[in-house]
Amino acid sequence: EEINGLYTNGLYIGEEKLKKILSLPRDTLIQDLELVLLDSINRYGYFEQLVDENGWDEEKISFVLHAICLLGELNAADSMDALINVMSQSEDYLELYLGDFLVEMVWDPIYKMCHSNLEPIKEFMFKPGTYTFARTAFSSAVLQIALHQPNRREEVINWYADVIKFFLNSKLDDNVIDSALIGIIVGDLLLMEATILLPEIKKL
């Protein structure tokens, strides 16, 4: 019942409802939230048609955002594959379910889920054909690690160095080079004052 409620509540879902959901047994709750994400992919055509016929209704479309944020609140690191599967979907999919929230707030649950292991999200940055702002959300999450955990600054700089090296060694035909993404990554590096990477940025 609590999970079904995610499909009928908009952004103002209510603190009490969220607390009730988070009080459920952790393991099965995480499994259910991952199923919600999978459902959004399997039934994308249904929800797309629903919006086409009736207009966008946040109470019927916000369930993906709810599931992602709840997984973040649970620090569900083992759900990173499920999240990456969502973020690997088409631009149309991400626009339908997440819209501007993709860049405005999805970095926060990513940060909570992945901050202990940056390798999976580095691999996502290398994935061909992924939507620009899906990848920038991951860069934003990594930036936050440098800002909030300064003891890990070197680790974060090495992460960005590997990403830049990957782009420098890629060709246009690889379908991974994205000028908007590169611009935003450089902006993130400016925010953390990563001057040590200036030579690599210049090459990029």
N, C-alpha and C. Protein backbone atom coordinates (compact mmCIF):
# COMPACT_ATOMS: atom_id res chain seq x y z
N GLU A 1 0.83 -1.20 0.00
CA GLU A 1 0.00 0.00 0.00
C GLU A 1 0.87 1.26 0.00
N GLU A 2 1.92 1.25 0.82
CA GLU A 2 2.78 2.43 0.90
C GLU A 2 3.49 2.67 -0.43
N ILE A 3 3.96 1.61 -1.08
CA ILE A 3 4.64 1.75 -2.37
C ILE A 3 3.65 2.21 -3.43
N ASN A 4 2.45 1.67 -3.43
CA ASN A 4 1.44 2.12 -4.40
C ASN A 4 1.16 3.61 -4.25
N GLY A 5 1.31 4.12 -3.04
CA GLY A 5 1.08 5.54 -2.81
C GLY A 5 2.05 6.44 -3.56
N LEU A 6 3.20 5.90 -3.94
CA LEU A 6 4.16 6.69 -4.71
C LEU A 6 3.60 7.06 -6.08
N TYR A 7 2.65 6.26 -6.57
CA TYR A 7 2.07 6.47 -7.90
C TYR A 7 0.91 7.47 -7.87
N THR A 8 0.54 7.92 -6.70
CA THR A 8 -0.63 8.81 -6.61
C THR A 8 -0.34 10.08 -5.84
N ASN A 9 0.94 10.36 -5.60
CA ASN A 9 1.33 11.56 -4.87
C ASN A 9 2.34 12.37 -5.67
N GLY A 10 2.13 13.67 -5.70
CA GLY A 10 3.06 14.56 -6.38
C GLY A 10 4.22 14.93 -5.47
N LEU A 11 4.84 16.06 -5.75
CA LEU A 11 6.03 16.46 -5.02
C LEU A 11 5.74 16.71 -3.54
N TYR A 12 4.53 17.15 -3.23
CA TYR A 12 4.17 17.42 -1.84
C TYR A 12 3.57 16.15 -1.22
N ILE A 13 4.37 15.11 -1.19
CA ILE A 13 3.87 13.81 -0.76
C ILE A 13 3.56 13.79 0.73
N GLY A 14 4.20 14.63 1.50
CA GLY A 14 3.92 14.69 2.93
C GLY A 14 4.93 13.94 3.76
N GLU A 15 5.40 14.58 4.82
CA GLU A 15 6.46 14.01 5.65
C GLU A 15 6.02 12.71 6.33
N GLU A 16 4.77 12.67 6.79
CA GLU A 16 4.30 11.48 7.50
C GLU A 16 4.28 10.26 6.59
N LYS A 17 3.86 10.46 5.35
CA LYS A 17 3.85 9.34 4.40
C LYS A 17 5.26 8.84 4.14
N LEU A 18 6.19 9.78 4.01
CA LEU A 18 7.57 9.40 3.76
C LEU A 18 8.16 8.65 4.96
N LYS A 19 7.85 9.13 6.15
CA LYS A 19 8.34 8.44 7.35
C LYS A 19 7.78 7.02 7.44
N LYS A 20 6.52 6.86 7.05
CA LYS A 20 5.90 5.54 7.09
C LYS A 20 6.58 4.59 6.11
N ILE A 21 6.88 5.11 4.94
CA ILE A 21 7.59 4.29 3.94
C ILE A 21 8.97 3.90 4.46
N LEU A 22 9.70 4.87 5.01
CA LEU A 22 11.06 4.62 5.47
C LEU A 22 11.11 3.73 6.71
N SER A 23 9.97 3.55 7.37
CA SER A 23 9.92 2.67 8.54
C SER A 23 9.73 1.20 8.16
N LEU A 24 9.47 0.93 6.88
CA LEU A 24 9.30 -0.44 6.41
C LEU A 24 10.63 -1.19 6.50
N PRO A 25 10.60 -2.53 6.54
CA PRO A 25 11.86 -3.30 6.57
C PRO A 25 12.78 -2.91 5.41
N ARG A 26 14.01 -2.58 5.74
CA ARG A 26 14.92 -1.97 4.77
C ARG A 26 15.12 -2.83 3.51
N ASP A 27 15.42 -4.11 3.69
CA ASP A 27 15.78 -4.94 2.53
C ASP A 27 14.64 -5.05 1.54
N THR A 28 13.44 -5.33 2.02
CA THR A 28 12.31 -5.48 1.10
C THR A 28 11.86 -4.12 0.56
N LEU A 29 12.05 -3.06 1.33
CA LEU A 29 11.73 -1.72 0.83
C LEU A 29 12.63 -1.37 -0.35
N ILE A 30 13.91 -1.64 -0.21
CA ILE A 30 14.84 -1.36 -1.30
C ILE A 30 14.47 -2.17 -2.54
N GLN A 31 14.12 -3.44 -2.35
CA GLN A 31 13.70 -4.27 -3.48
C GLN A 31 12.47 -3.68 -4.17
N ASP A 32 11.51 -3.21 -3.37
CA ASP A 32 10.29 -2.63 -3.93
C ASP A 32 10.59 -1.34 -4.69
N LEU A 33 11.48 -0.52 -4.14
CA LEU A 33 11.82 0.74 -4.81
C LEU A 33 12.55 0.47 -6.13
N GLU A 34 13.38 -0.54 -6.15
CA GLU A 34 14.04 -0.92 -7.41
C GLU A 34 13.01 -1.41 -8.43
N LEU A 35 11.99 -2.12 -7.95
CA LEU A 35 10.92 -2.57 -8.85
C LEU A 35 10.13 -1.40 -9.41
N VAL A 36 9.95 -0.36 -8.61
CA VAL A 36 9.29 0.86 -9.09
C VAL A 36 10.08 1.45 -10.24
N LEU A 37 11.40 1.52 -10.10
CA LEU A 37 12.24 2.05 -11.18
C LEU A 37 12.14 1.18 -12.43
N LEU A 38 12.16 -0.14 -12.22
CA LEU A 38 12.04 -1.04 -13.37
C LEU A 38 10.68 -0.90 -14.04
N ASP A 39 9.65 -0.70 -13.24
CA ASP A 39 8.30 -0.52 -13.77
C ASP A 39 8.24 0.72 -14.66
N SER A 40 8.94 1.77 -14.27
CA SER A 40 8.93 3.00 -15.07
C SER A 40 9.52 2.77 -16.46
N ILE A 41 10.45 1.83 -16.55
CA ILE A 41 11.07 1.50 -17.84
C ILE A 41 10.14 0.58 -18.63
N ASN A 42 9.65 -0.46 -17.97
CA ASN A 42 8.80 -1.45 -18.65
C ASN A 42 7.49 -0.83 -19.15
N ARG A 43 6.97 0.12 -18.39
CA ARG A 43 5.68 0.73 -18.76
C ARG A 43 5.84 2.16 -19.25
N TYR A 44 7.02 2.48 -19.77
CA TYR A 44 7.25 3.84 -20.27
C TYR A 44 6.21 4.23 -21.32
N GLY A 45 5.92 3.32 -22.24
CA GLY A 45 4.94 3.60 -23.29
C GLY A 45 3.58 3.94 -22.72
N TYR A 46 3.20 3.22 -21.67
CA TYR A 46 1.90 3.48 -21.02
C TYR A 46 1.86 4.89 -20.43
N PHE A 47 2.89 5.25 -19.68
CA PHE A 47 2.89 6.57 -19.03
C PHE A 47 3.07 7.70 -20.05
N GLU A 48 3.81 7.43 -21.12
CA GLU A 48 3.94 8.43 -22.18
C GLU A 48 2.58 8.69 -22.82
N GLN A 49 1.85 7.63 -23.10
CA GLN A 49 0.51 7.78 -23.69
C GLN A 49 -0.43 8.49 -22.72
N LEU A 50 -0.32 8.18 -21.45
CA LEU A 50 -1.14 8.81 -20.42
C LEU A 50 -0.94 10.33 -20.43
N VAL A 51 0.29 10.75 -20.54
CA VAL A 51 0.60 12.19 -20.58
C VAL A 51 0.12 12.80 -21.88
N ASP A 52 0.31 12.09 -22.98
CA ASP A 52 -0.13 12.59 -24.29
C ASP A 52 -1.64 12.82 -24.31
N GLU A 53 -2.38 11.92 -23.67
CA GLU A 53 -3.84 12.00 -23.73
C GLU A 53 -4.45 12.93 -22.68
N ASN A 54 -3.81 13.00 -21.52
CA ASN A 54 -4.42 13.73 -20.40
C ASN A 54 -3.60 14.91 -19.90
N GLY A 55 -2.42 15.11 -20.47
CA GLY A 55 -1.55 16.17 -19.98
C GLY A 55 -0.70 15.67 -18.82
N TRP A 56 0.35 16.43 -18.53
CA TRP A 56 1.29 16.01 -17.49
C TRP A 56 0.66 16.19 -16.12
N ASP A 57 0.69 15.16 -15.31
CA ASP A 57 0.10 15.18 -13.97
C ASP A 57 1.16 14.69 -12.99
N GLU A 58 1.67 15.59 -12.16
CA GLU A 58 2.78 15.22 -11.29
C GLU A 58 2.42 14.12 -10.30
N GLU A 59 1.14 13.99 -9.97
CA GLU A 59 0.75 12.94 -9.04
C GLU A 59 0.86 11.55 -9.66
N LYS A 60 0.86 11.48 -10.98
CA LYS A 60 0.96 10.19 -11.67
C LYS A 60 2.36 9.91 -12.21
N ILE A 61 3.22 10.94 -12.22
CA ILE A 61 4.51 10.80 -12.87
C ILE A 61 5.68 10.91 -11.89
N SER A 62 5.44 11.36 -10.68
CA SER A 62 6.53 11.63 -9.73
C SER A 62 7.09 10.38 -9.06
N PHE A 63 6.51 9.21 -9.34
CA PHE A 63 6.93 8.01 -8.62
C PHE A 63 8.39 7.66 -8.84
N VAL A 64 8.94 7.99 -10.01
CA VAL A 64 10.36 7.71 -10.27
C VAL A 64 11.24 8.58 -9.38
N LEU A 65 10.92 9.85 -9.31
CA LEU A 65 11.67 10.76 -8.45
C LEU A 65 11.57 10.34 -6.99
N HIS A 66 10.36 9.95 -6.56
CA HIS A 66 10.18 9.48 -5.19
C HIS A 66 11.08 8.29 -4.90
N ALA A 67 11.09 7.31 -5.81
CA ALA A 67 11.87 6.09 -5.59
C ALA A 67 13.36 6.40 -5.52
N ILE A 68 13.84 7.27 -6.40
CA ILE A 68 15.27 7.62 -6.40
C ILE A 68 15.64 8.33 -5.10
N CYS A 69 14.81 9.28 -4.68
CA CYS A 69 15.12 10.04 -3.46
C CYS A 69 15.06 9.15 -2.22
N LEU A 70 14.12 8.21 -2.20
CA LEU A 70 14.02 7.30 -1.06
C LEU A 70 15.22 6.36 -1.01
N LEU A 71 15.68 5.89 -2.15
CA LEU A 71 16.89 5.05 -2.17
C LEU A 71 18.09 5.85 -1.68
N GLY A 72 18.13 7.13 -2.04
CA GLY A 72 19.19 7.98 -1.52
C GLY A 72 19.11 8.12 -0.01
N GLU A 73 17.90 8.32 0.50
CA GLU A 73 17.70 8.47 1.93
C GLU A 73 18.12 7.21 2.68
N LEU A 74 17.97 6.07 2.02
CA LEU A 74 18.37 4.79 2.61
C LEU A 74 19.86 4.48 2.41
N ASN A 75 20.56 5.40 1.73
CA ASN A 75 21.98 5.17 1.40
C ASN A 75 22.19 3.81 0.75
N ALA A 76 21.30 3.50 -0.19
CA ALA A 76 21.24 2.17 -0.79
C ALA A 76 22.32 2.01 -1.87
N ALA A 77 23.55 1.85 -1.43
CA ALA A 77 24.67 1.74 -2.36
C ALA A 77 24.50 0.57 -3.32
N ASP A 78 23.90 -0.52 -2.86
CA ASP A 78 23.72 -1.71 -3.70
C ASP A 78 22.68 -1.49 -4.80
N SER A 79 21.95 -0.38 -4.74
CA SER A 79 20.95 -0.07 -5.77
C SER A 79 21.53 0.80 -6.90
N MET A 80 22.85 1.00 -6.88
CA MET A 80 23.44 1.86 -7.90
C MET A 80 23.20 1.32 -9.31
N ASP A 81 23.21 0.01 -9.48
CA ASP A 81 22.97 -0.55 -10.81
C ASP A 81 21.56 -0.21 -11.30
N ALA A 82 20.59 -0.26 -10.39
CA ALA A 82 19.21 0.09 -10.75
C ALA A 82 19.12 1.55 -11.14
N LEU A 83 19.83 2.41 -10.41
CA LEU A 83 19.82 3.84 -10.73
C LEU A 83 20.51 4.10 -12.06
N ILE A 84 21.63 3.45 -12.29
CA ILE A 84 22.34 3.64 -13.56
C ILE A 84 21.49 3.16 -14.72
N ASN A 85 20.72 2.10 -14.52
CA ASN A 85 19.81 1.63 -15.55
C ASN A 85 18.79 2.71 -15.91
N VAL A 86 18.27 3.39 -14.90
CA VAL A 86 17.33 4.50 -15.13
C VAL A 86 18.03 5.64 -15.87
N MET A 87 19.21 6.00 -15.42
CA MET A 87 19.92 7.14 -16.00
C MET A 87 20.44 6.84 -17.40
N SER A 88 20.43 5.58 -17.78
CA SER A 88 20.87 5.18 -19.13
C SER A 88 19.75 5.22 -20.15
N GLN A 89 18.54 5.53 -19.71
CA GLN A 89 17.41 5.56 -20.62
C GLN A 89 17.47 6.79 -21.53
N SER A 90 16.53 6.86 -22.45
CA SER A 90 16.54 7.91 -23.47
C SER A 90 16.26 9.28 -22.87
N GLU A 91 16.59 10.30 -23.65
CA GLU A 91 16.29 11.67 -23.24
C GLU A 91 14.79 11.85 -23.01
N ASP A 92 13.97 11.26 -23.87
CA ASP A 92 12.51 11.38 -23.72
C ASP A 92 12.04 10.77 -22.40
N TYR A 93 12.59 9.62 -22.06
CA TYR A 93 12.24 8.97 -20.79
C TYR A 93 12.58 9.89 -19.62
N LEU A 94 13.82 10.38 -19.60
CA LEU A 94 14.29 11.20 -18.48
C LEU A 94 13.53 12.52 -18.39
N GLU A 95 13.17 13.07 -19.54
CA GLU A 95 12.39 14.32 -19.54
C GLU A 95 10.99 14.07 -19.00
N LEU A 96 10.40 12.93 -19.36
CA LEU A 96 9.04 12.63 -18.90
C LEU A 96 8.99 12.49 -17.39
N TYR A 97 9.87 11.68 -16.83
CA TYR A 97 9.78 11.34 -15.41
C TYR A 97 10.50 12.33 -14.49
N LEU A 98 11.59 12.93 -14.97
CA LEU A 98 12.42 13.74 -14.08
C LEU A 98 12.49 15.21 -14.47
N GLY A 99 12.44 15.51 -15.76
CA GLY A 99 12.45 16.90 -16.20
C GLY A 99 13.63 17.66 -15.61
N ASP A 100 13.36 18.88 -15.14
CA ASP A 100 14.42 19.73 -14.59
C ASP A 100 15.02 19.18 -13.31
N PHE A 101 14.28 18.28 -12.63
CA PHE A 101 14.81 17.72 -11.39
C PHE A 101 16.04 16.86 -11.64
N LEU A 102 16.23 16.43 -12.89
CA LEU A 102 17.41 15.65 -13.22
C LEU A 102 18.68 16.41 -12.88
N VAL A 103 18.68 17.72 -13.16
CA VAL A 103 19.88 18.52 -12.86
C VAL A 103 19.77 19.26 -11.54
N GLU A 104 18.56 19.47 -11.06
CA GLU A 104 18.38 20.28 -9.86
C GLU A 104 18.54 19.48 -8.56
N MET A 105 18.17 18.20 -8.55
CA MET A 105 18.19 17.48 -7.27
C MET A 105 18.61 16.02 -7.32
N VAL A 106 18.68 15.41 -8.50
CA VAL A 106 19.02 13.99 -8.55
C VAL A 106 20.46 13.74 -8.10
N TRP A 107 21.32 14.78 -8.20
CA TRP A 107 22.70 14.61 -7.72
C TRP A 107 22.74 14.24 -6.24
N ASP A 108 21.74 14.70 -5.47
CA ASP A 108 21.75 14.47 -4.02
C ASP A 108 21.59 12.99 -3.68
N PRO A 109 20.56 12.29 -4.18
CA PRO A 109 20.51 10.84 -3.91
C PRO A 109 21.68 10.08 -4.52
N ILE A 110 22.19 10.54 -5.67
CA ILE A 110 23.38 9.89 -6.24
C ILE A 110 24.53 9.99 -5.25
N TYR A 111 24.73 11.18 -4.70
CA TYR A 111 25.80 11.40 -3.72
C TYR A 111 25.66 10.45 -2.53
N LYS A 112 24.43 10.31 -2.03
CA LYS A 112 24.19 9.48 -0.86
C LYS A 112 24.40 8.00 -1.15
N MET A 113 24.13 7.61 -2.40
CA MET A 113 24.22 6.19 -2.76
C MET A 113 25.62 5.78 -3.19
N CYS A 114 26.40 6.69 -3.78
CA CYS A 114 27.63 6.27 -4.44
C CYS A 114 28.90 6.83 -3.82
N HIS A 115 28.80 7.66 -2.79
CA HIS A 115 29.99 8.37 -2.35
C HIS A 115 31.09 7.44 -1.83
N SER A 116 30.73 6.20 -1.46
CA SER A 116 31.75 5.27 -0.97
C SER A 116 32.43 4.50 -2.10
N ASN A 117 31.88 4.56 -3.30
CA ASN A 117 32.47 3.83 -4.43
C ASN A 117 32.19 4.60 -5.72
N LEU A 118 33.21 5.27 -6.22
CA LEU A 118 33.03 6.11 -7.40
C LEU A 118 33.25 5.37 -8.71
N GLU A 119 33.68 4.13 -8.65
CA GLU A 119 34.01 3.41 -9.89
C GLU A 119 32.79 3.20 -10.79
N PRO A 120 31.63 2.74 -10.27
CA PRO A 120 30.49 2.52 -11.17
C PRO A 120 30.05 3.79 -11.89
N ILE A 121 30.12 4.92 -11.22
CA ILE A 121 29.66 6.14 -11.90
C ILE A 121 30.72 6.66 -12.87
N LYS A 122 31.98 6.30 -12.65
CA LYS A 122 32.99 6.63 -13.67
C LYS A 122 32.70 5.85 -14.94
N GLU A 123 32.36 4.57 -14.78
CA GLU A 123 32.03 3.75 -15.94
C GLU A 123 30.81 4.30 -16.67
N PHE A 124 29.86 4.85 -15.93
CA PHE A 124 28.69 5.45 -16.56
C PHE A 124 29.09 6.65 -17.42
N MET A 125 30.06 7.42 -16.97
CA MET A 125 30.51 8.58 -17.74
C MET A 125 31.09 8.16 -19.09
N PHE A 126 31.54 6.90 -19.18
CA PHE A 126 32.15 6.39 -20.41
C PHE A 126 31.14 5.73 -21.34
N LYS A 127 29.89 5.68 -20.93
CA LYS A 127 28.88 4.92 -21.66
C LYS A 127 28.42 5.69 -22.91
N PRO A 128 28.50 5.07 -24.09
CA PRO A 128 28.11 5.78 -25.32
C PRO A 128 26.63 6.12 -25.36
N GLY A 129 26.30 7.26 -25.94
CA GLY A 129 24.93 7.61 -26.24
C GLY A 129 24.07 8.00 -25.07
N THR A 130 24.66 8.24 -23.90
CA THR A 130 23.85 8.61 -22.74
C THR A 130 23.52 10.10 -22.78
N TYR A 131 22.40 10.44 -22.18
CA TYR A 131 21.89 11.81 -22.19
C TYR A 131 22.84 12.73 -21.43
N THR A 132 23.10 13.89 -22.01
CA THR A 132 24.04 14.86 -21.43
C THR A 132 23.78 15.08 -19.94
N PHE A 133 22.54 15.41 -19.59
CA PHE A 133 22.27 15.85 -18.22
C PHE A 133 22.13 14.68 -17.24
N ALA A 134 22.08 13.46 -17.75
CA ALA A 134 22.20 12.30 -16.87
C ALA A 134 23.64 12.22 -16.38
N ARG A 135 24.58 12.42 -17.29
CA ARG A 135 26.00 12.35 -16.90
C ARG A 135 26.41 13.54 -16.03
N THR A 136 25.85 14.72 -16.30
CA THR A 136 26.22 15.88 -15.48
C THR A 136 25.73 15.71 -14.04
N ALA A 137 24.63 14.98 -13.84
CA ALA A 137 24.14 14.74 -12.48
C ALA A 137 25.18 13.94 -11.68
N PHE A 138 25.86 13.01 -12.35
CA PHE A 138 26.89 12.23 -11.67
C PHE A 138 28.11 13.09 -11.38
N SER A 139 28.48 13.96 -12.31
CA SER A 139 29.59 14.87 -12.06
C SER A 139 29.28 15.78 -10.88
N SER A 140 28.06 16.27 -10.81
CA SER A 140 27.66 17.14 -9.69
C SER A 140 27.78 16.40 -8.35
N ALA A 141 27.43 15.12 -8.34
CA ALA A 141 27.53 14.33 -7.11
C ALA A 141 28.99 14.18 -6.68
N VAL A 142 29.86 13.93 -7.64
CA VAL A 142 31.28 13.78 -7.32
C VAL A 142 31.85 15.11 -6.82
N LEU A 143 31.45 16.20 -7.44
CA LEU A 143 31.87 17.52 -6.96
C LEU A 143 31.52 17.71 -5.49
N GLN A 144 30.31 17.29 -5.11
CA GLN A 144 29.87 17.46 -3.72
C GLN A 144 30.76 16.69 -2.74
N ILE A 145 31.31 15.56 -3.18
CA ILE A 145 32.22 14.81 -2.33
C ILE A 145 33.45 15.66 -2.01
N ALA A 146 33.99 16.32 -3.03
CA ALA A 146 35.16 17.18 -2.80
C ALA A 146 34.82 18.34 -1.88
N LEU A 147 33.61 18.89 -2.00
CA LEU A 147 33.22 20.05 -1.20
C LEU A 147 32.92 19.68 0.25
N HIS A 148 32.31 18.51 0.46
CA HIS A 148 31.86 18.13 1.80
C HIS A 148 32.79 17.15 2.50
N GLN A 149 33.67 16.51 1.74
CA GLN A 149 34.65 15.59 2.33
C GLN A 149 36.04 15.95 1.80
N PRO A 150 36.57 17.07 2.24
CA PRO A 150 37.84 17.56 1.68
C PRO A 150 38.99 16.58 1.81
N ASN A 151 38.89 15.64 2.74
CA ASN A 151 39.93 14.62 2.88
C ASN A 151 39.97 13.68 1.67
N ARG A 152 38.93 13.72 0.84
CA ARG A 152 38.87 12.87 -0.36
C ARG A 152 39.11 13.66 -1.64
N ARG A 153 39.60 14.86 -1.48
CA ARG A 153 39.81 15.74 -2.64
C ARG A 153 40.72 15.08 -3.69
N GLU A 154 41.80 14.48 -3.25
CA GLU A 154 42.73 13.84 -4.20
C GLU A 154 42.03 12.72 -4.97
N GLU A 155 41.21 11.94 -4.28
CA GLU A 155 40.46 10.86 -4.93
C GLU A 155 39.53 11.42 -6.01
N VAL A 156 38.87 12.52 -5.68
CA VAL A 156 37.94 13.14 -6.64
C VAL A 156 38.70 13.71 -7.84
N ILE A 157 39.82 14.35 -7.57
CA ILE A 157 40.62 14.90 -8.68
C ILE A 157 41.09 13.77 -9.60
N ASN A 158 41.50 12.65 -9.01
CA ASN A 158 41.92 11.50 -9.83
C ASN A 158 40.75 10.96 -10.65
N TRP A 159 39.54 11.00 -10.08
CA TRP A 159 38.34 10.56 -10.80
C TRP A 159 38.13 11.43 -12.03
N TYR A 160 38.19 12.74 -11.84
CA TYR A 160 38.02 13.65 -12.97
C TYR A 160 39.16 13.51 -13.97
N ALA A 161 40.38 13.28 -13.49
CA ALA A 161 41.52 13.10 -14.40
C ALA A 161 41.29 11.89 -15.31
N ASP A 162 40.74 10.82 -14.76
CA ASP A 162 40.45 9.63 -15.57
C ASP A 162 39.36 9.92 -16.60
N VAL A 163 38.35 10.68 -16.19
CA VAL A 163 37.27 11.03 -17.12
C VAL A 163 37.81 11.88 -18.27
N ILE A 164 38.63 12.87 -17.93
CA ILE A 164 39.21 13.73 -18.97
C ILE A 164 40.10 12.91 -19.90
N LYS A 165 40.92 12.03 -19.33
CA LYS A 165 41.79 11.18 -20.15
C LYS A 165 40.98 10.34 -21.11
N PHE A 166 39.85 9.82 -20.63
CA PHE A 166 38.98 9.01 -21.48
C PHE A 166 38.49 9.82 -22.68
N PHE A 167 38.04 11.05 -22.43
CA PHE A 167 37.57 11.89 -23.53
C PHE A 167 38.70 12.25 -24.49
N LEU A 168 39.87 12.51 -23.95
CA LEU A 168 41.01 12.86 -24.81
C LEU A 168 41.39 11.70 -25.73
N ASN A 169 41.16 10.47 -25.27
CA ASN A 169 41.52 9.30 -26.06
C ASN A 169 40.36 8.76 -26.90
N SER A 170 39.23 9.48 -26.89
CA SER A 170 38.06 9.03 -27.64
C SER A 170 37.96 9.74 -28.98
N LYS A 171 37.19 9.15 -29.86
CA LYS A 171 36.93 9.73 -31.17
C LYS A 171 35.45 10.08 -31.26
N LEU A 172 35.11 10.97 -32.19
CA LEU A 172 33.71 11.36 -32.34
C LEU A 172 32.81 10.17 -32.63
N ASP A 173 33.35 9.21 -33.38
CA ASP A 173 32.56 8.02 -33.74
C ASP A 173 32.22 7.16 -32.53
N ASP A 174 32.93 7.35 -31.41
CA ASP A 174 32.67 6.55 -30.21
C ASP A 174 31.36 6.95 -29.53
N ASN A 175 30.83 8.11 -29.91
CA ASN A 175 29.54 8.59 -29.37
C ASN A 175 29.58 8.80 -27.85
N VAL A 176 30.73 9.29 -27.37
CA VAL A 176 30.85 9.60 -25.94
C VAL A 176 31.21 11.06 -25.72
N ILE A 177 31.78 11.73 -26.71
CA ILE A 177 32.21 13.11 -26.56
C ILE A 177 31.00 14.03 -26.65
N ASP A 178 30.87 14.89 -25.67
CA ASP A 178 29.69 15.75 -25.56
C ASP A 178 30.16 17.11 -25.07
N SER A 179 30.11 18.10 -25.95
CA SER A 179 30.69 19.41 -25.61
C SER A 179 29.97 20.07 -24.43
N ALA A 180 28.64 19.89 -24.34
CA ALA A 180 27.92 20.47 -23.20
C ALA A 180 28.35 19.81 -21.90
N LEU A 181 28.49 18.49 -21.92
CA LEU A 181 28.96 17.76 -20.75
C LEU A 181 30.35 18.24 -20.34
N ILE A 182 31.24 18.36 -21.32
CA ILE A 182 32.61 18.79 -21.02
C ILE A 182 32.61 20.18 -20.40
N GLY A 183 31.78 21.07 -20.93
CA GLY A 183 31.69 22.42 -20.38
C GLY A 183 31.25 22.41 -18.92
N ILE A 184 30.27 21.57 -18.61
CA ILE A 184 29.76 21.50 -17.23
C ILE A 184 30.80 20.87 -16.31
N ILE A 185 31.52 19.86 -16.79
CA ILE A 185 32.58 19.25 -16.00
C ILE A 185 33.66 20.28 -15.67
N VAL A 186 34.04 21.08 -16.67
CA VAL A 186 35.03 22.13 -16.43
C VAL A 186 34.50 23.12 -15.39
N GLY A 187 33.22 23.44 -15.47
CA GLY A 187 32.61 24.32 -14.47
C GLY A 187 32.69 23.72 -13.08
N ASP A 188 32.44 22.41 -12.96
CA ASP A 188 32.55 21.73 -11.66
C ASP A 188 33.98 21.79 -11.14
N LEU A 189 34.95 21.62 -12.03
CA LEU A 189 36.35 21.69 -11.62
C LEU A 189 36.74 23.10 -11.18
N LEU A 190 36.16 24.10 -11.81
CA LEU A 190 36.39 25.49 -11.37
C LEU A 190 35.86 25.70 -9.96
N LEU A 191 34.69 25.13 -9.68
CA LEU A 191 34.08 25.29 -8.35
C LEU A 191 34.96 24.67 -7.26
N MET A 192 35.64 23.59 -7.58
CA MET A 192 36.50 22.97 -6.57
C MET A 192 37.94 23.42 -6.69
N GLU A 193 38.18 24.41 -7.59
CA GLU A 193 39.51 25.01 -7.77
C GLU A 193 40.58 23.95 -8.01
N ALA A 194 40.29 23.06 -8.94
CA ALA A 194 41.20 21.95 -9.25
C ALA A 194 42.26 22.41 -10.25
N THR A 195 43.10 23.35 -9.83
CA THR A 195 44.08 23.95 -10.73
C THR A 195 45.08 22.93 -11.24
N ILE A 196 45.28 21.86 -10.50
CA ILE A 196 46.25 20.84 -10.92
C ILE A 196 45.85 20.21 -12.25
N LEU A 197 44.56 20.30 -12.61
CA LEU A 197 44.08 19.71 -13.85
C LEU A 197 44.06 20.69 -15.02
N LEU A 198 44.55 21.89 -14.82
CA LEU A 198 44.51 22.89 -15.89
C LEU A 198 45.19 22.41 -17.18
N PRO A 199 46.35 21.74 -17.13
CA PRO A 199 46.95 21.25 -18.39
C PRO A 199 46.02 20.29 -19.14
N GLU A 200 45.37 19.38 -18.39
CA GLU A 200 44.46 18.42 -19.02
C GLU A 200 43.21 19.14 -19.57
N ILE A 201 42.73 20.12 -18.82
CA ILE A 201 41.57 20.89 -19.29
C ILE A 201 41.91 21.61 -20.58
N LYS A 202 43.11 22.17 -20.64
CA LYS A 202 43.53 22.89 -21.85
C LYS A 202 43.57 21.94 -23.06
N LYS A 203 44.08 20.73 -22.86
CA LYS A 203 44.10 19.74 -23.95
C LYS A 203 42.68 19.39 -24.39
N LEU A 204 41.81 19.26 -23.40
CA LEU A 204 40.42 18.90 -23.70
C LEU A 204 39.74 19.96 -24.54
